[in-house]
Amino acid sequence: MGVSAKGRRRIQYQGQNFVWWVAPDSDDCDRIYLNIVSEDKSIVLAYRVNGESFRIISKGRRLHGEKTSGKWQLCKIPFREPLMVVTPKDVVQIIAWAVDGKGEQG
């Protein structure tokens, strides 16, 4: 079963479909998060926007082309500065970093 794309943006990277959206997280005092999920849910990422955070949370079963334990992992973001505004270009860069480790390291 895939991830719901209703009201969310779609993006493709290397033939793999992803859905992304920016929304408050009720589990974290409604702080704003960028969420990126692959169609098969193997890659699940959350990043706190506008929080001066240098960490992204990986919640999926794959990261950098490798299998993971499936437990949440905190990873350094692939940017020199925290994101204040999210663009599709930023999303592609995060996906490239998550899929195959490519992308700028900050």
PDB file of N, CA and C in Angstrom:
ATOM      1  N   MET A   1       0.849  -1.181   0.000  1.00  0.00           N
ATOM      2  CA  MET A   1       0.000   0.000   0.000  1.00  0.00           C
ATOM      3  C   MET A   1       0.886   1.233   0.000  1.00  0.00           C
ATOM      4  N   GLY A   2       0.644   2.150  -0.921  1.00  0.00           N
ATOM      5  CA  GLY A   2       1.444   3.358  -1.043  1.00  0.00           C
ATOM      6  C   GLY A   2       1.014   4.433  -0.072  1.00  0.00           C
ATOM      7  N   VAL A   3       1.738   5.529  -0.119  1.00  0.00           N
ATOM      8  CA  VAL A   3       1.446   6.661   0.746  1.00  0.00           C
ATOM      9  C   VAL A   3       0.409   7.561   0.071  1.00  0.00           C
ATOM     10  N   SER A   4      -0.463   8.164   0.849  1.00  0.00           N
ATOM     11  CA  SER A   4      -1.490   9.048   0.305  1.00  0.00           C
ATOM     12  C   SER A   4      -0.851  10.314  -0.249  1.00  0.00           C
ATOM     13  N   ALA A   5      -1.251  10.681  -1.453  1.00  0.00           N
ATOM     14  CA  ALA A   5      -0.714  11.886  -2.087  1.00  0.00           C
ATOM     15  C   ALA A   5      -1.745  13.011  -2.112  1.00  0.00           C
ATOM     16  N   LYS A   6      -2.888  12.788  -1.526  1.00  0.00           N
ATOM     17  CA  LYS A   6      -3.953  13.793  -1.551  1.00  0.00           C
ATOM     18  C   LYS A   6      -3.493  15.070  -0.840  1.00  0.00           C
ATOM     19  N   GLY A   7      -3.495  16.166  -1.582  1.00  0.00           N
ATOM     20  CA  GLY A   7      -3.095  17.457  -1.022  1.00  0.00           C
ATOM     21  C   GLY A   7      -1.596  17.594  -0.796  1.00  0.00           C
ATOM     22  N   ARG A   8      -0.807  16.684  -1.383  1.00  0.00           N
ATOM     23  CA  ARG A   8       0.640  16.689  -1.204  1.00  0.00           C
ATOM     24  C   ARG A   8       1.321  16.728  -2.562  1.00  0.00           C
ATOM     25  N   ARG A   9       2.567  17.134  -2.570  1.00  0.00           N
ATOM     26  CA  ARG A   9       3.309  17.248  -3.827  1.00  0.00           C
ATOM     27  C   ARG A   9       4.017  15.948  -4.148  1.00  0.00           C
ATOM     28  N   ARG A  10       4.081  15.658  -5.437  1.00  0.00           N
ATOM     29  CA  ARG A  10       4.774  14.460  -5.915  1.00  0.00           C
ATOM     30  C   ARG A  10       6.067  14.874  -6.593  1.00  0.00           C
ATOM     31  N   ILE A  11       7.047  13.992  -6.503  1.00  0.00           N
ATOM     32  CA  ILE A  11       8.328  14.237  -7.158  1.00  0.00           C
ATOM     33  C   ILE A  11       8.937  12.873  -7.491  1.00  0.00           C
ATOM     34  N   GLN A  12       9.702  12.842  -8.569  1.00  0.00           N
ATOM     35  CA  GLN A  12      10.332  11.586  -8.980  1.00  0.00           C
ATOM     36  C   GLN A  12      11.843  11.757  -8.944  1.00  0.00           C
ATOM     37  N   TYR A  13      12.527  10.708  -8.482  1.00  0.00           N
ATOM     38  CA  TYR A  13      13.986  10.691  -8.471  1.00  0.00           C
ATOM     39  C   TYR A  13      14.431   9.310  -8.900  1.00  0.00           C
ATOM     40  N   GLN A  14      15.207   9.241  -9.968  1.00  0.00           N
ATOM     41  CA  GLN A  14      15.717   7.984 -10.517  1.00  0.00           C
ATOM     42  C   GLN A  14      14.613   6.947 -10.698  1.00  0.00           C
ATOM     43  N   GLY A  15      13.481   7.396 -11.213  1.00  0.00           N
ATOM     44  CA  GLY A  15      12.369   6.495 -11.494  1.00  0.00           C
ATOM     45  C   GLY A  15      11.548   6.093 -10.284  1.00  0.00           C
ATOM     46  N   GLN A  16      11.921   6.582  -9.108  1.00  0.00           N
ATOM     47  CA  GLN A  16      11.182   6.257  -7.886  1.00  0.00           C
ATOM     48  C   GLN A  16      10.301   7.444  -7.516  1.00  0.00           C
ATOM     49  N   ASN A  17       9.060   7.157  -7.156  1.00  0.00           N
ATOM     50  CA  ASN A  17       8.105   8.204  -6.792  1.00  0.00           C
ATOM     51  C   ASN A  17       8.172   8.522  -5.305  1.00  0.00           C
ATOM     52  N   PHE A  18       8.082   9.815  -5.021  1.00  0.00           N
ATOM     53  CA  PHE A  18       8.076  10.312  -3.644  1.00  0.00           C
ATOM     54  C   PHE A  18       6.932  11.293  -3.482  1.00  0.00           C
ATOM     55  N   VAL A  19       6.475  11.431  -2.255  1.00  0.00           N
ATOM     56  CA  VAL A  19       5.473  12.426  -1.892  1.00  0.00           C
ATOM     57  C   VAL A  19       6.098  13.287  -0.806  1.00  0.00           C
ATOM     58  N   TRP A  20       5.872  14.611  -0.891  1.00  0.00           N
ATOM     59  CA  TRP A  20       6.410  15.486   0.148  1.00  0.00           C
ATOM     60  C   TRP A  20       5.398  16.560   0.502  1.00  0.00           C
ATOM     61  N   TRP A  21       5.493  17.027   1.753  1.00  0.00           N
ATOM     62  CA  TRP A  21       4.621  18.078   2.244  1.00  0.00           C
ATOM     63  C   TRP A  21       5.265  18.735   3.454  1.00  0.00           C
ATOM     64  N   VAL A  22       4.830  19.950   3.719  1.00  0.00           N
ATOM     65  CA  VAL A  22       5.282  20.703   4.887  1.00  0.00           C
ATOM     66  C   VAL A  22       4.050  20.950   5.745  1.00  0.00           C
ATOM     67  N   ALA A  23       4.138  20.556   7.023  1.00  0.00           N
ATOM     68  CA  ALA A  23       2.970  20.661   7.900  1.00  0.00           C
ATOM     69  C   ALA A  23       3.396  20.653   9.358  1.00  0.00           C
ATOM     70  N   PRO A  24       2.527  21.177  10.238  1.00  0.00           N
ATOM     71  CA  PRO A  24       2.801  21.093  11.672  1.00  0.00           C
ATOM     72  C   PRO A  24       2.741  19.647  12.148  1.00  0.00           C
ATOM     73  N   ASP A  25       3.572  19.314  13.127  1.00  0.00           N
ATOM     74  CA  ASP A  25       3.590  17.978  13.722  1.00  0.00           C
ATOM     75  C   ASP A  25       2.988  18.076  15.116  1.00  0.00           C
ATOM     76  N   SER A  26       1.825  17.501  15.290  1.00  0.00           N
ATOM     77  CA  SER A  26       1.133  17.601  16.589  1.00  0.00           C
ATOM     78  C   SER A  26       1.907  16.900  17.705  1.00  0.00           C
ATOM     79  N   ASP A  27       2.783  15.948  17.344  1.00  0.00           N
ATOM     80  CA  ASP A  27       3.588  15.270  18.362  1.00  0.00           C
ATOM     81  C   ASP A  27       4.773  16.116  18.831  1.00  0.00           C
ATOM     82  N   ASP A  28       5.047  17.219  18.136  1.00  0.00           N
ATOM     83  CA  ASP A  28       6.168  18.091  18.501  1.00  0.00           C
ATOM     84  C   ASP A  28       5.699  19.540  18.619  1.00  0.00           C
ATOM     85  N   CYS A  29       4.669  19.742  19.403  1.00  0.00           N
ATOM     86  CA  CYS A  29       4.149  21.084  19.706  1.00  0.00           C
ATOM     87  C   CYS A  29       3.829  21.886  18.453  1.00  0.00           C
ATOM     88  N   ASP A  30       3.347  21.217  17.421  1.00  0.00           N
ATOM     89  CA  ASP A  30       2.962  21.841  16.153  1.00  0.00           C
ATOM     90  C   ASP A  30       4.097  22.577  15.445  1.00  0.00           C
ATOM     91  N   ARG A  31       5.327  22.171  15.704  1.00  0.00           N
ATOM     92  CA  ARG A  31       6.449  22.718  14.948  1.00  0.00           C
ATOM     93  C   ARG A  31       6.324  22.249  13.503  1.00  0.00           C
ATOM     94  N   ILE A  32       6.831  23.057  12.572  1.00  0.00           N
ATOM     95  CA  ILE A  32       6.681  22.781  11.145  1.00  0.00           C
ATOM     96  C   ILE A  32       7.761  21.802  10.678  1.00  0.00           C
ATOM     97  N   TYR A  33       7.337  20.742   9.969  1.00  0.00           N
ATOM     98  CA  TYR A  33       8.245  19.728   9.446  1.00  0.00           C
ATOM     99  C   TYR A  33       8.058  19.535   7.948  1.00  0.00           C
ATOM    100  N   LEU A  34       9.164  19.304   7.272  1.00  0.00           N
ATOM    101  CA  LEU A  34       9.157  18.808   5.902  1.00  0.00           C
ATOM    102  C   LEU A  34       9.129  17.289   6.009  1.00  0.00           C
ATOM    103  N   ASN A  35       8.185  16.658   5.344  1.00  0.00           N
ATOM    104  CA  ASN A  35       8.057  15.204   5.341  1.00  0.00           C
ATOM    105  C   ASN A  35       8.252  14.700   3.920  1.00  0.00           C
ATOM    106  N   ILE A  36       9.075  13.681   3.750  1.00  0.00           N
ATOM    107  CA  ILE A  36       9.330  13.080   2.447  1.00  0.00           C
ATOM    108  C   ILE A  36       9.173  11.572   2.611  1.00  0.00           C
ATOM    109  N   VAL A  37       8.333  10.968   1.757  1.00  0.00           N
ATOM    110  CA  VAL A  37       8.072   9.535   1.849  1.00  0.00           C
ATOM    111  C   VAL A  37       8.102   8.931   0.447  1.00  0.00           C
ATOM    112  N   SER A  38       8.867   7.843   0.302  1.00  0.00           N
ATOM    113  CA  SER A  38       8.860   7.137  -0.979  1.00  0.00           C
ATOM    114  C   SER A  38       7.549   6.373  -1.114  1.00  0.00           C
ATOM    115  N   GLU A  39       7.165   6.123  -2.355  1.00  0.00           N
ATOM    116  CA  GLU A  39       5.892   5.455  -2.616  1.00  0.00           C
ATOM    117  C   GLU A  39       5.788   4.104  -1.910  1.00  0.00           C
ATOM    118  N   ASP A  40       6.907   3.378  -1.822  1.00  0.00           N
ATOM    119  CA  ASP A  40       6.895   2.073  -1.147  1.00  0.00           C
ATOM    120  C   ASP A  40       7.172   2.188   0.358  1.00  0.00           C
ATOM    121  N   LYS A  41       7.320   3.407   0.848  1.00  0.00           N
ATOM    122  CA  LYS A  41       7.546   3.721   2.266  1.00  0.00           C
ATOM    123  C   LYS A  41       8.875   3.191   2.810  1.00  0.00           C
ATOM    124  N   SER A  42       9.801   2.876   1.911  1.00  0.00           N
ATOM    125  CA  SER A  42      11.111   2.422   2.380  1.00  0.00           C
ATOM    126  C   SER A  42      11.955   3.598   2.871  1.00  0.00           C
ATOM    127  N   ILE A  43      11.724   4.782   2.291  1.00  0.00           N
ATOM    128  CA  ILE A  43      12.409   5.996   2.738  1.00  0.00           C
ATOM    129  C   ILE A  43      11.366   6.922   3.339  1.00  0.00           C
ATOM    130  N   VAL A  44      11.548   7.247   4.602  1.00  0.00           N
ATOM    131  CA  VAL A  44      10.642   8.144   5.322  1.00  0.00           C
ATOM    132  C   VAL A  44      11.521   9.136   6.068  1.00  0.00           C
ATOM    133  N   LEU A  45      11.382  10.422   5.721  1.00  0.00           N
ATOM    134  CA  LEU A  45      12.229  11.458   6.310  1.00  0.00           C
ATOM    135  C   LEU A  45      11.382  12.577   6.895  1.00  0.00           C
ATOM    136  N   ALA A  46      11.864  13.168   7.959  1.00  0.00           N
ATOM    137  CA  ALA A  46      11.221  14.338   8.564  1.00  0.00           C
ATOM    138  C   ALA A  46      12.312  15.323   8.956  1.00  0.00           C
ATOM    139  N   TYR A  47      12.096  16.602   8.617  1.00  0.00           N
ATOM    140  CA  TYR A  47      13.066  17.644   8.934  1.00  0.00           C
ATOM    141  C   TYR A  47      12.324  18.858   9.495  1.00  0.00           C
ATOM    142  N   ARG A  48      12.766  19.331  10.639  1.00  0.00           N
ATOM    143  CA  ARG A  48      12.136  20.503  11.260  1.00  0.00           C
ATOM    144  C   ARG A  48      12.599  21.765  10.552  1.00  0.00           C
ATOM    145  N   VAL A  49      11.670  22.421   9.888  1.00  0.00           N
ATOM    146  CA  VAL A  49      11.944  23.628   9.111  1.00  0.00           C
ATOM    147  C   VAL A  49      11.984  24.838  10.047  1.00  0.00           C
ATOM    148  N   ASN A  50      12.888  25.776   9.733  1.00  0.00           N
ATOM    149  CA  ASN A  50      12.958  27.038  10.462  1.00  0.00           C
ATOM    150  C   ASN A  50      13.274  26.831  11.933  1.00  0.00           C
ATOM    151  N   GLY A  51      13.967  25.755  12.251  1.00  0.00           N
ATOM    152  CA  GLY A  51      14.283  25.492  13.640  1.00  0.00           C
ATOM    153  C   GLY A  51      15.769  25.511  13.921  1.00  0.00           C
ATOM    154  N   GLU A  52      16.560  25.984  12.950  1.00  0.00           N
ATOM    155  CA  GLU A  52      18.012  25.980  13.059  1.00  0.00           C
ATOM    156  C   GLU A  52      18.534  24.582  13.362  1.00  0.00           C
ATOM    157  N   SER A  53      17.831  23.593  12.821  1.00  0.00           N
ATOM    158  CA  SER A  53      18.219  22.203  13.033  1.00  0.00           C
ATOM    159  C   SER A  53      19.189  21.745  11.955  1.00  0.00           C
ATOM    160  N   PHE A  54      20.215  21.028  12.358  1.00  0.00           N
ATOM    161  CA  PHE A  54      21.160  20.447  11.420  1.00  0.00           C
ATOM    162  C   PHE A  54      20.964  18.942  11.332  1.00  0.00           C
ATOM    163  N   ARG A  55      19.791  18.458  11.743  1.00  0.00           N
ATOM    164  CA  ARG A  55      19.515  17.023  11.755  1.00  0.00           C
ATOM    165  C   ARG A  55      18.221  16.718  11.018  1.00  0.00           C
ATOM    166  N   ILE A  56      18.217  15.591  10.339  1.00  0.00           N
ATOM    167  CA  ILE A  56      17.026  15.080   9.682  1.00  0.00           C
ATOM    168  C   ILE A  56      16.737  13.715  10.310  1.00  0.00           C
ATOM    169  N   ILE A  57      15.481  13.368  10.447  1.00  0.00           N
ATOM    170  CA  ILE A  57      15.106  12.099  11.044  1.00  0.00           C
ATOM    171  C   ILE A  57      14.775  11.115   9.929  1.00  0.00           C
ATOM    172  N   SER A  58      15.460   9.989   9.919  1.00  0.00           N
ATOM    173  CA  SER A  58      15.153   8.910   8.990  1.00  0.00           C
ATOM    174  C   SER A  58      14.327   7.881   9.749  1.00  0.00           C
ATOM    175  N   LYS A  59      13.129   7.601   9.237  1.00  0.00           N
ATOM    176  CA  LYS A  59      12.216   6.669   9.902  1.00  0.00           C
ATOM    177  C   LYS A  59      11.963   5.424   9.058  1.00  0.00           C
ATOM    178  N   GLY A  60      12.635   5.317   7.920  1.00  0.00           N
ATOM    179  CA  GLY A  60      12.351   4.231   6.981  1.00  0.00           C
ATOM    180  C   GLY A  60      13.280   3.039   7.116  1.00  0.00           C
ATOM    181  N   ARG A  61      13.149   2.133   6.145  1.00  0.00           N
ATOM    182  CA  ARG A  61      13.929   0.903   6.135  1.00  0.00           C
ATOM    183  C   ARG A  61      15.190   1.008   5.278  1.00  0.00           C
ATOM    184  N   ARG A  62      15.354   2.148   4.557  1.00  0.00           N
ATOM    185  CA  ARG A  62      16.525   2.321   3.698  1.00  0.00           C
ATOM    186  C   ARG A  62      17.056   3.751   3.849  1.00  0.00           C
ATOM    187  N   LEU A  63      18.381   3.867   3.743  1.00  0.00           N
ATOM    188  CA  LEU A  63      19.032   5.173   3.746  1.00  0.00           C
ATOM    189  C   LEU A  63      20.383   5.012   3.062  1.00  0.00           C
ATOM    190  N   HIS A  64      20.692   5.889   2.129  1.00  0.00           N
ATOM    191  CA  HIS A  64      21.945   5.846   1.362  1.00  0.00           C
ATOM    192  C   HIS A  64      22.116   4.516   0.625  1.00  0.00           C
ATOM    193  N   GLY A  65      21.007   3.949   0.157  1.00  0.00           N
ATOM    194  CA  GLY A  65      21.072   2.702  -0.586  1.00  0.00           C
ATOM    195  C   GLY A  65      21.298   1.468   0.263  1.00  0.00           C
ATOM    196  N   GLU A  66      21.313   1.619   1.565  1.00  0.00           N
ATOM    197  CA  GLU A  66      21.558   0.498   2.494  1.00  0.00           C
ATOM    198  C   GLU A  66      20.303   0.237   3.320  1.00  0.00           C
ATOM    199  N   LYS A  67      20.124  -1.019   3.707  1.00  0.00           N
ATOM    200  CA  LYS A  67      19.045  -1.358   4.640  1.00  0.00           C
ATOM    201  C   LYS A  67      19.377  -0.799   6.011  1.00  0.00           C
ATOM    202  N   THR A  68      18.350  -0.369   6.718  1.00  0.00           N
ATOM    203  CA  THR A  68      18.543   0.118   8.093  1.00  0.00           C
ATOM    204  C   THR A  68      17.745  -0.772   9.040  1.00  0.00           C
ATOM    205  N   SER A  69      17.862  -0.494  10.310  1.00  0.00           N
ATOM    206  CA  SER A  69      17.126  -1.269  11.312  1.00  0.00           C
ATOM    207  C   SER A  69      15.639  -0.919  11.309  1.00  0.00           C
ATOM    208  N   GLY A  70      15.282   0.197  10.678  1.00  0.00           N
ATOM    209  CA  GLY A  70      13.903   0.648  10.695  1.00  0.00           C
ATOM    210  C   GLY A  70      13.597   1.549  11.876  1.00  0.00           C
ATOM    211  N   LYS A  71      14.574   1.655  12.791  1.00  0.00           N
ATOM    212  CA  LYS A  71      14.412   2.550  13.940  1.00  0.00           C
ATOM    213  C   LYS A  71      14.776   3.971  13.516  1.00  0.00           C
ATOM    214  N   TRP A  72      14.247   4.943  14.211  1.00  0.00           N
ATOM    215  CA  TRP A  72      14.533   6.326  13.890  1.00  0.00           C
ATOM    216  C   TRP A  72      16.025   6.601  14.039  1.00  0.00           C
ATOM    217  N   GLN A  73      16.574   7.346  13.076  1.00  0.00           N
ATOM    218  CA  GLN A  73      17.973   7.754  13.118  1.00  0.00           C
ATOM    219  C   GLN A  73      18.059   9.258  12.891  1.00  0.00           C
ATOM    220  N   LEU A  74      18.889   9.921  13.657  1.00  0.00           N
ATOM    221  CA  LEU A  74      19.182  11.332  13.411  1.00  0.00           C
ATOM    222  C   LEU A  74      20.419  11.407  12.542  1.00  0.00           C
ATOM    223  N   CYS A  75      20.326  12.168  11.450  1.00  0.00           N
ATOM    224  CA  CYS A  75      21.442  12.305  10.512  1.00  0.00           C
ATOM    225  C   CYS A  75      21.696  13.774  10.236  1.00  0.00           C
ATOM    226  N   LYS A  76      22.938  14.096   9.925  1.00  0.00           N
ATOM    227  CA  LYS A  76      23.295  15.460   9.564  1.00  0.00           C
ATOM    228  C   LYS A  76      22.666  15.808   8.218  1.00  0.00           C
ATOM    229  N   ILE A  77      22.083  16.997   8.104  1.00  0.00           N
ATOM    230  CA  ILE A  77      21.430  17.400   6.859  1.00  0.00           C
ATOM    231  C   ILE A  77      22.464  17.652   5.761  1.00  0.00           C
ATOM    232  N   PRO A  78      22.062  17.478   4.496  1.00  0.00           N
ATOM    233  CA  PRO A  78      22.986  17.676   3.380  1.00  0.00           C
ATOM    234  C   PRO A  78      23.055  19.126   2.912  1.00  0.00           C
ATOM    235  N   PHE A  79      22.992  20.080   3.819  1.00  0.00           N
ATOM    236  CA  PHE A  79      23.052  21.504   3.491  1.00  0.00           C
ATOM    237  C   PHE A  79      24.044  22.206   4.397  1.00  0.00           C
ATOM    238  N   ARG A  80      24.557  23.319   3.929  1.00  0.00           N
ATOM    239  CA  ARG A  80      25.492  24.117   4.739  1.00  0.00           C
ATOM    240  C   ARG A  80      24.758  24.902   5.825  1.00  0.00           C
ATOM    241  N   GLU A  81      23.478  25.200   5.560  1.00  0.00           N
ATOM    242  CA  GLU A  81      22.673  25.967   6.505  1.00  0.00           C
ATOM    243  C   GLU A  81      21.313  25.302   6.672  1.00  0.00           C
ATOM    244  N   PRO A  82      20.664  25.485   7.808  1.00  0.00           N
ATOM    245  CA  PRO A  82      19.316  24.942   7.974  1.00  0.00           C
ATOM    246  C   PRO A  82      18.352  25.564   6.962  1.00  0.00           C
ATOM    247  N   LEU A  83      17.344  24.820   6.563  1.00  0.00           N
ATOM    248  CA  LEU A  83      16.345  25.326   5.621  1.00  0.00           C
ATOM    249  C   LEU A  83      15.360  26.236   6.346  1.00  0.00           C
ATOM    250  N   MET A  84      15.135  27.393   5.771  1.00  0.00           N
ATOM    251  CA  MET A  84      14.132  28.309   6.303  1.00  0.00           C
ATOM    252  C   MET A  84      12.870  28.256   5.440  1.00  0.00           C
ATOM    253  N   VAL A  85      13.064  28.001   4.139  1.00  0.00           N
ATOM    254  CA  VAL A  85      11.990  27.862   3.172  1.00  0.00           C
ATOM    255  C   VAL A  85      12.302  26.608   2.364  1.00  0.00           C
ATOM    256  N   VAL A  86      11.297  25.817   2.075  1.00  0.00           N
ATOM    257  CA  VAL A  86      11.502  24.569   1.343  1.00  0.00           C
ATOM    258  C   VAL A  86      11.091  24.751  -0.114  1.00  0.00           C
ATOM    259  N   THR A  87      11.984  24.371  -1.014  1.00  0.00           N
ATOM    260  CA  THR A  87      11.701  24.417  -2.444  1.00  0.00           C
ATOM    261  C   THR A  87      11.793  22.998  -3.012  1.00  0.00           C
ATOM    262  N   PRO A  88      11.205  22.762  -4.178  1.00  0.00           N
ATOM    263  CA  PRO A  88      11.351  21.444  -4.806  1.00  0.00           C
ATOM    264  C   PRO A  88      12.820  21.062  -5.025  1.00  0.00           C
ATOM    265  N   LYS A  89      13.671  22.043  -5.305  1.00  0.00           N
ATOM    266  CA  LYS A  89      15.108  21.776  -5.478  1.00  0.00           C
ATOM    267  C   LYS A  89      15.709  21.214  -4.183  1.00  0.00           C
ATOM    268  N   ASP A  90      15.315  21.772  -3.051  1.00  0.00           N
ATOM    269  CA  ASP A  90      15.782  21.270  -1.748  1.00  0.00           C
ATOM    270  C   ASP A  90      15.314  19.832  -1.524  1.00  0.00           C
ATOM    271  N   VAL A  91      14.073  19.567  -1.897  1.00  0.00           N
ATOM    272  CA  VAL A  91      13.513  18.227  -1.710  1.00  0.00           C
ATOM    273  C   VAL A  91      14.285  17.213  -2.551  1.00  0.00           C
ATOM    274  N   VAL A  92      14.579  17.559  -3.811  1.00  0.00           N
ATOM    275  CA  VAL A  92      15.357  16.661  -4.669  1.00  0.00           C
ATOM    276  C   VAL A  92      16.739  16.416  -4.073  1.00  0.00           C
ATOM    277  N   GLN A  93      17.357  17.456  -3.532  1.00  0.00           N
ATOM    278  CA  GLN A  93      18.684  17.293  -2.935  1.00  0.00           C
ATOM    279  C   GLN A  93      18.631  16.356  -1.721  1.00  0.00           C
ATOM    280  N   ILE A  94      17.614  16.479  -0.904  1.00  0.00           N
ATOM    281  CA  ILE A  94      17.466  15.598   0.254  1.00  0.00           C
ATOM    282  C   ILE A  94      17.206  14.162  -0.199  1.00  0.00           C
ATOM    283  N   ILE A  95      16.368  14.003  -1.218  1.00  0.00           N
ATOM    284  CA  ILE A  95      16.092  12.662  -1.731  1.00  0.00           C
ATOM    285  C   ILE A  95      17.357  12.028  -2.301  1.00  0.00           C
ATOM    286  N   ALA A  96      18.132  12.788  -3.080  1.00  0.00           N
ATOM    287  CA  ALA A  96      19.389  12.266  -3.641  1.00  0.00           C
ATOM    288  C   ALA A  96      20.319  11.827  -2.519  1.00  0.00           C
ATOM    289  N   TRP A  97      20.402  12.625  -1.481  1.00  0.00           N
ATOM    290  CA  TRP A  97      21.234  12.287  -0.318  1.00  0.00           C
ATOM    291  C   TRP A  97      20.725  11.006   0.350  1.00  0.00           C
ATOM    292  N   ALA A  98      19.406  10.886   0.501  1.00  0.00           N
ATOM    293  CA  ALA A  98      18.829   9.722   1.183  1.00  0.00           C
ATOM    294  C   ALA A  98      18.924   8.451   0.341  1.00  0.00           C
ATOM    295  N   VAL A  99      18.781   8.585  -0.973  1.00  0.00           N
ATOM    296  CA  VAL A  99      18.789   7.409  -1.845  1.00  0.00           C
ATOM    297  C   VAL A  99      20.199   6.873  -2.049  1.00  0.00           C
ATOM    298  N   ASP A 100      21.119   7.765  -2.406  1.00  0.00           N
ATOM    299  CA  ASP A 100      22.456   7.264  -2.754  1.00  0.00           C
ATOM    300  C   ASP A 100      23.610   8.030  -2.135  1.00  0.00           C
ATOM    301  N   GLY A 101      23.326   8.856  -1.148  1.00  0.00           N
ATOM    302  CA  GLY A 101      24.404   9.550  -0.432  1.00  0.00           C
ATOM    303  C   GLY A 101      24.946  10.766  -1.150  1.00  0.00           C
ATOM    304  N   LYS A 102      24.379  11.116  -2.314  1.00  0.00           N
ATOM    305  CA  LYS A 102      24.834  12.300  -3.040  1.00  0.00           C
ATOM    306  C   LYS A 102      24.271  13.551  -2.401  1.00  0.00           C
ATOM    307  N   GLY A 103      24.929  14.655  -2.631  1.00  0.00           N
ATOM    308  CA  GLY A 103      24.423  15.922  -2.125  1.00  0.00           C
ATOM    309  C   GLY A 103      25.469  16.621  -1.291  1.00  0.00           C
ATOM    310  N   GLU A 104      25.309  17.898  -1.206  1.00  0.00           N
ATOM    311  CA  GLU A 104      26.218  18.771  -0.461  1.00  0.00           C
ATOM    312  C   GLU A 104      26.169  18.412   1.016  1.00  0.00           C
ATOM    313  N   GLN A 105      27.295  18.341   1.645  1.00  0.00           N
ATOM    314  CA  GLN A 105      27.364  18.100   3.100  1.00  0.00           C
ATOM    315  C   GLN A 105      27.762  19.402   3.784  1.00  0.00           C
ATOM    316  N   GLY A 106      27.013  19.756   4.827  1.00  0.00           N
ATOM    317  CA  GLY A 106      27.282  21.009   5.511  1.00  0.00           C
ATOM    318  C   GLY A 106      28.160  20.871   6.690  1.00  0.00           C
TER     319      GLY A 106
END
